[in-house]
Amino acid sequence: SRMTSAEAFLNTGGVRRRRNLAIRTSAAVTRLFFEGTRAAGVAVSSGFGSEKIVLARKEVILCAGSIGTPLLLLRSGVGPRAALESQGIPVVVDAPGVGQNLRDQITIPLLYEARPGVTFDPMNVSRVADFWGYLCQGKGPYRSNLVEAVAFTNPSADPSSDDHDYPTLQLQCCVAAGYTSELGARLQLDPEVYSKFSEAFAVLVTLLRPRSPPGSVQLSGPGGEAEIDPNVLVDEEDIQMLC
């Protein structure tokens, strides 16, 4: 059955009723609050210009993803000294590695026109009948996450290479890729390409083990805006692997 993160981790086992849990929506952590070099809390903005400090009794667990985590550290004064000083941010901890070693897995979508009526594109899905079929029987297109098949492969498979035992590509088959599914728009494809197919499948080809050097996350500008350099497809071998 399909399940959101909230269903999986918050709405089961009485998690929301725990005395040591408070959930705040429409709020964003803007920086860490330090006592010396110890993280003692976080600054939280509600989006209306107000900011308040939430103090921790024991510890602060920072889990904001590969982009948000280094940005919060940098904005809080934890990072390379020269970079922080250039932005006018007081240095709390000189940590050269913060914001470095950003790695991502680039994906190339391949579109294939489909025969009418076989995909889960919107024209083939009934918002009423199929939705109720999913609620009552757990069947139909609403049960699908639209990726119906996944394969891992290593097309080079050179026995002399260090990674011949590891997959280098991931292939995902998406069963709703026509222009009405808006998949092409979300993947920022050329409209002249994806608008040709009212119903289509997509194979998403993901490079799992890029050889290009890692990228970085840095601060740029007086407002602490993010400057993200993914540094993808710098190595020619990555391009050849995807081709």
Protein backbone atom coordinates (compact mmCIF):
# COMPACT_ATOMS: atom_id res chain seq x y z
CA SER A 1 0.00 0.00 0.00
CA ARG A 2 1.18 3.54 -0.71
CA MET A 3 2.28 5.42 2.36
CA THR A 4 3.60 8.90 3.06
CA SER A 5 6.44 9.63 5.47
CA ALA A 6 3.90 11.01 7.94
CA GLU A 7 1.87 7.79 7.77
CA ALA A 8 4.96 5.63 8.21
CA PHE A 9 6.64 7.50 11.06
CA LEU A 10 4.13 9.82 12.75
CA ASN A 11 0.66 8.34 12.47
CA THR A 12 1.50 4.87 13.78
CA GLY A 13 1.93 3.54 17.29
CA GLY A 14 0.75 6.73 18.96
CA VAL A 15 3.90 8.61 17.94
CA ARG A 16 2.11 11.96 17.76
CA ARG A 17 0.98 11.56 21.39
CA ARG A 18 4.49 11.14 22.77
CA ARG A 19 5.25 13.63 25.50
CA ASN A 20 8.75 14.23 24.16
CA LEU A 21 7.59 15.13 20.64
CA ALA A 22 6.31 18.48 19.39
CA ILE A 23 5.65 18.97 15.68
CA ARG A 24 5.80 22.51 14.28
CA THR A 25 4.56 23.17 10.75
CA SER A 26 5.12 26.34 8.66
CA ALA A 27 8.36 26.84 10.54
CA ALA A 28 11.96 26.72 9.34
CA VAL A 29 15.25 26.46 11.21
CA THR A 30 17.44 29.37 10.11
CA ARG A 31 20.59 28.73 12.13
CA LEU A 32 22.03 26.87 15.09
CA PHE A 33 22.35 28.54 18.47
CA PHE A 34 25.71 27.96 20.17
CA GLU A 35 27.03 28.27 23.68
CA GLY A 36 30.73 28.43 22.96
CA THR A 37 31.28 25.64 20.45
CA ARG A 38 28.40 23.52 21.72
CA ALA A 39 25.10 23.52 19.82
CA ALA A 40 22.54 24.43 22.46
CA GLY A 41 19.48 25.02 20.31
CA VAL A 42 18.12 26.33 17.03
CA ALA A 43 16.70 29.60 15.73
CA VAL A 44 13.27 29.07 14.17
CA SER A 45 11.43 31.42 11.82
CA SER A 46 7.68 31.22 11.38
CA GLY A 47 7.75 33.03 8.06
CA PHE A 48 6.32 36.29 9.42
CA GLY A 49 9.66 37.91 10.15
CA SER A 50 9.74 36.68 13.75
CA GLU A 51 12.47 34.38 15.05
CA LYS A 52 12.73 32.55 18.31
CA ILE A 53 15.33 30.35 19.93
CA VAL A 54 14.38 26.79 20.85
CA LEU A 55 16.82 25.39 23.41
CA ALA A 56 17.80 21.74 23.66
CA ARG A 57 17.89 19.91 26.98
CA LYS A 58 20.41 17.33 25.78
CA GLU A 59 21.46 17.58 22.15
CA VAL A 60 20.66 19.00 18.70
CA ILE A 61 20.30 16.49 15.87
CA LEU A 62 20.87 18.22 12.54
CA CYS A 63 19.23 16.31 9.69
CA ALA A 64 18.45 18.70 6.83
CA GLY A 65 19.75 16.77 3.83
CA SER A 66 22.85 17.07 1.70
CA ILE A 67 22.05 20.70 0.84
CA GLY A 68 20.29 22.03 3.93
CA THR A 69 22.70 20.56 6.48
CA PRO A 70 25.87 22.30 5.25
CA LEU A 71 23.95 25.51 4.62
CA LEU A 72 22.72 25.61 8.22
CA LEU A 73 26.23 24.90 9.51
CA LEU A 74 27.77 27.60 7.34
CA ARG A 75 25.14 30.19 8.27
CA SER A 76 25.77 29.31 11.91
CA GLY A 77 29.54 29.87 11.72
CA VAL A 78 30.69 26.28 11.24
CA GLY A 79 32.79 25.85 8.10
CA PRO A 80 35.96 27.03 6.34
CA ARG A 81 37.24 30.13 8.12
CA ALA A 82 38.10 32.08 4.98
CA ALA A 83 34.71 31.43 3.39
CA LEU A 84 32.81 32.45 6.55
CA GLU A 85 34.85 35.60 7.07
CA SER A 86 34.32 36.63 3.44
CA GLN A 87 30.56 36.56 4.15
CA GLY A 88 30.91 38.44 7.44
CA ILE A 89 29.84 35.41 9.50
CA PRO A 90 31.53 35.03 12.91
CA VAL A 91 33.49 31.79 13.03
CA VAL A 92 32.35 29.35 15.71
CA VAL A 93 34.27 26.31 14.46
CA ASP A 94 36.80 26.31 11.63
CA ALA A 95 35.75 23.15 9.74
CA PRO A 96 37.15 23.08 6.18
CA GLY A 97 35.12 20.04 5.13
CA VAL A 98 31.69 21.61 5.59
CA GLY A 99 30.03 22.12 2.21
CA GLN A 100 32.53 19.94 0.39
CA ASN A 101 32.23 16.46 -1.15
CA LEU A 102 28.73 16.97 -2.56
CA ARG A 103 27.79 13.94 -4.62
CA ASP A 104 24.71 13.41 -6.72
CA GLN A 105 23.47 10.81 -9.15
CA ILE A 106 22.45 12.37 -12.44
CA THR A 107 19.46 10.90 -14.25
CA ILE A 108 18.76 10.92 -18.00
CA PRO A 109 15.10 10.21 -19.02
CA LEU A 110 14.32 8.27 -22.19
CA LEU A 111 10.73 8.57 -23.48
CA TYR A 112 8.90 5.91 -25.49
CA GLU A 113 5.51 6.49 -27.08
CA ALA A 114 2.91 3.98 -25.88
CA ARG A 115 -0.19 2.46 -27.41
CA PRO A 116 -3.40 4.15 -26.21
CA GLY A 117 -4.84 2.88 -22.96
CA VAL A 118 -1.90 0.96 -21.49
CA THR A 119 -0.21 3.60 -19.32
CA PHE A 120 -1.27 5.32 -16.12
CA ASP A 121 -1.35 8.72 -17.83
CA PRO A 122 -4.26 10.88 -16.60
CA MET A 123 -6.60 10.11 -19.53
CA ASN A 124 -6.49 6.42 -18.54
CA VAL A 125 -7.23 6.96 -14.86
CA SER A 126 -10.67 7.61 -13.43
CA ARG A 127 -10.42 10.01 -10.50
CA VAL A 128 -13.61 8.56 -8.98
CA ALA A 129 -13.84 4.86 -9.90
CA ASP A 130 -10.12 4.09 -9.64
CA PHE A 131 -9.78 6.09 -6.42
CA TRP A 132 -12.61 4.21 -4.75
CA GLY A 133 -11.23 0.95 -6.10
CA TYR A 134 -7.96 1.73 -4.34
CA LEU A 135 -9.68 2.69 -1.07
CA CYS A 136 -11.94 -0.37 -1.03
CA GLN A 137 -9.73 -3.06 -2.55
CA GLY A 138 -6.22 -1.58 -2.63
CA LYS A 139 -6.04 -2.11 -6.39
CA GLY A 140 -5.69 -0.05 -9.54
CA PRO A 141 -3.48 2.81 -10.70
CA TYR A 142 -3.67 4.68 -7.39
CA ARG A 143 -1.76 1.85 -5.77
CA SER A 144 1.19 2.44 -8.08
CA ASN A 145 4.05 4.82 -7.36
CA LEU A 146 4.41 4.95 -11.18
CA VAL A 147 7.82 3.24 -11.13
CA GLU A 148 6.84 -0.36 -11.85
CA ALA A 149 10.25 -1.88 -12.53
CA VAL A 150 13.85 -1.22 -11.48
CA ALA A 151 17.05 -2.79 -12.78
CA PHE A 152 20.70 -2.43 -11.82
CA THR A 153 23.43 -3.11 -14.37
CA ASN A 154 27.04 -2.56 -15.28
CA PRO A 155 27.24 -2.27 -19.08
CA SER A 156 31.02 -2.04 -19.13
CA ALA A 157 31.54 -5.12 -16.92
CA ASP A 158 35.28 -5.02 -17.41
CA PRO A 159 36.70 -7.83 -15.19
CA SER A 160 39.92 -5.86 -14.78
CA SER A 161 38.19 -2.78 -13.35
CA ASP A 162 37.85 -2.12 -9.64
CA ASP A 163 34.07 -1.86 -9.81
CA HIS A 164 33.17 -4.74 -12.14
CA ASP A 165 31.20 -6.39 -9.32
CA TYR A 166 29.09 -3.27 -8.72
CA PRO A 167 26.21 -1.84 -10.78
CA THR A 168 27.02 1.47 -12.41
CA LEU A 169 23.57 2.27 -13.79
CA GLN A 170 20.04 2.13 -12.38
CA LEU A 171 17.11 1.84 -14.79
CA GLN A 172 13.61 2.75 -13.63
CA CYS A 173 10.52 2.20 -15.76
CA CYS A 174 7.90 4.91 -15.25
CA VAL A 175 4.43 4.00 -16.52
CA ALA A 176 3.05 7.54 -16.83
CA ALA A 177 5.25 9.80 -18.95
CA GLY A 178 2.90 11.42 -21.45
CA TYR A 179 2.69 15.20 -21.58
CA THR A 180 -0.47 15.26 -19.44
CA SER A 181 1.42 13.50 -16.61
CA GLU A 182 3.69 16.58 -16.37
CA LEU A 183 6.69 14.28 -15.87
CA GLY A 184 8.55 16.05 -18.65
CA ALA A 185 7.93 19.44 -17.04
CA ARG A 186 9.11 18.21 -13.64
CA LEU A 187 12.27 16.80 -15.25
CA GLN A 188 12.73 20.10 -17.14
CA LEU A 189 12.77 18.41 -20.53
CA ASP A 190 12.44 20.30 -23.78
CA PRO A 191 8.67 20.82 -24.33
CA GLU A 192 9.13 20.09 -28.03
CA VAL A 193 10.19 16.58 -27.02
CA TYR A 194 7.75 15.47 -24.34
CA SER A 195 4.71 17.30 -25.75
CA LYS A 196 4.72 14.95 -28.77
CA PHE A 197 3.49 11.99 -26.72
CA SER A 198 0.06 12.02 -25.11
CA GLU A 199 0.80 8.57 -23.64
CA ALA A 200 4.31 7.30 -22.97
CA PHE A 201 6.63 5.22 -20.86
CA ALA A 202 9.91 6.58 -19.51
CA VAL A 203 13.11 4.80 -18.64
CA LEU A 204 15.09 6.85 -16.12
CA VAL A 205 18.80 6.08 -16.45
CA THR A 206 20.74 7.00 -13.31
CA LEU A 207 24.52 7.07 -13.03
CA LEU A 208 25.30 5.37 -9.72
CA ARG A 209 29.09 5.63 -9.53
CA PRO A 210 30.15 8.91 -11.17
CA ARG A 211 33.84 9.45 -11.72
CA SER A 212 33.55 13.24 -11.85
CA PRO A 213 35.01 15.00 -8.79
CA PRO A 214 32.49 15.87 -6.07
CA GLY A 215 30.78 19.23 -6.01
CA SER A 216 30.20 21.72 -3.22
CA VAL A 217 27.66 23.82 -1.33
CA GLN A 218 28.72 27.34 -0.41
CA LEU A 219 27.24 30.66 0.63
CA SER A 220 26.98 33.54 -1.80
CA GLY A 221 25.79 37.06 -1.14
CA PRO A 222 24.96 39.00 2.01
CA GLY A 223 21.75 37.05 2.62
CA GLY A 224 23.52 33.72 2.85
CA GLU A 225 22.04 32.42 -0.39
CA ALA A 226 23.08 28.97 -1.50
CA GLU A 227 25.64 28.48 -4.26
CA ILE A 228 25.43 24.84 -5.34
CA ASP A 229 27.96 23.34 -7.73
CA PRO A 230 27.04 19.70 -8.48
CA ASN A 231 30.07 19.32 -10.78
CA VAL A 232 28.37 16.55 -12.77
CA LEU A 233 29.57 15.10 -16.10
CA VAL A 234 33.01 16.65 -15.80
CA ASP A 235 34.65 13.30 -16.44
CA GLU A 236 34.23 12.10 -20.05
CA GLU A 237 33.76 8.54 -18.82
CA ASP A 238 30.52 9.54 -17.09
CA ILE A 239 29.16 10.88 -20.36
CA GLN A 240 30.13 7.72 -22.21
CA MET A 241 28.48 5.55 -19.56
CA LEU A 242 25.16 7.38 -19.96
CA CYS A 243 25.35 7.28 -23.74
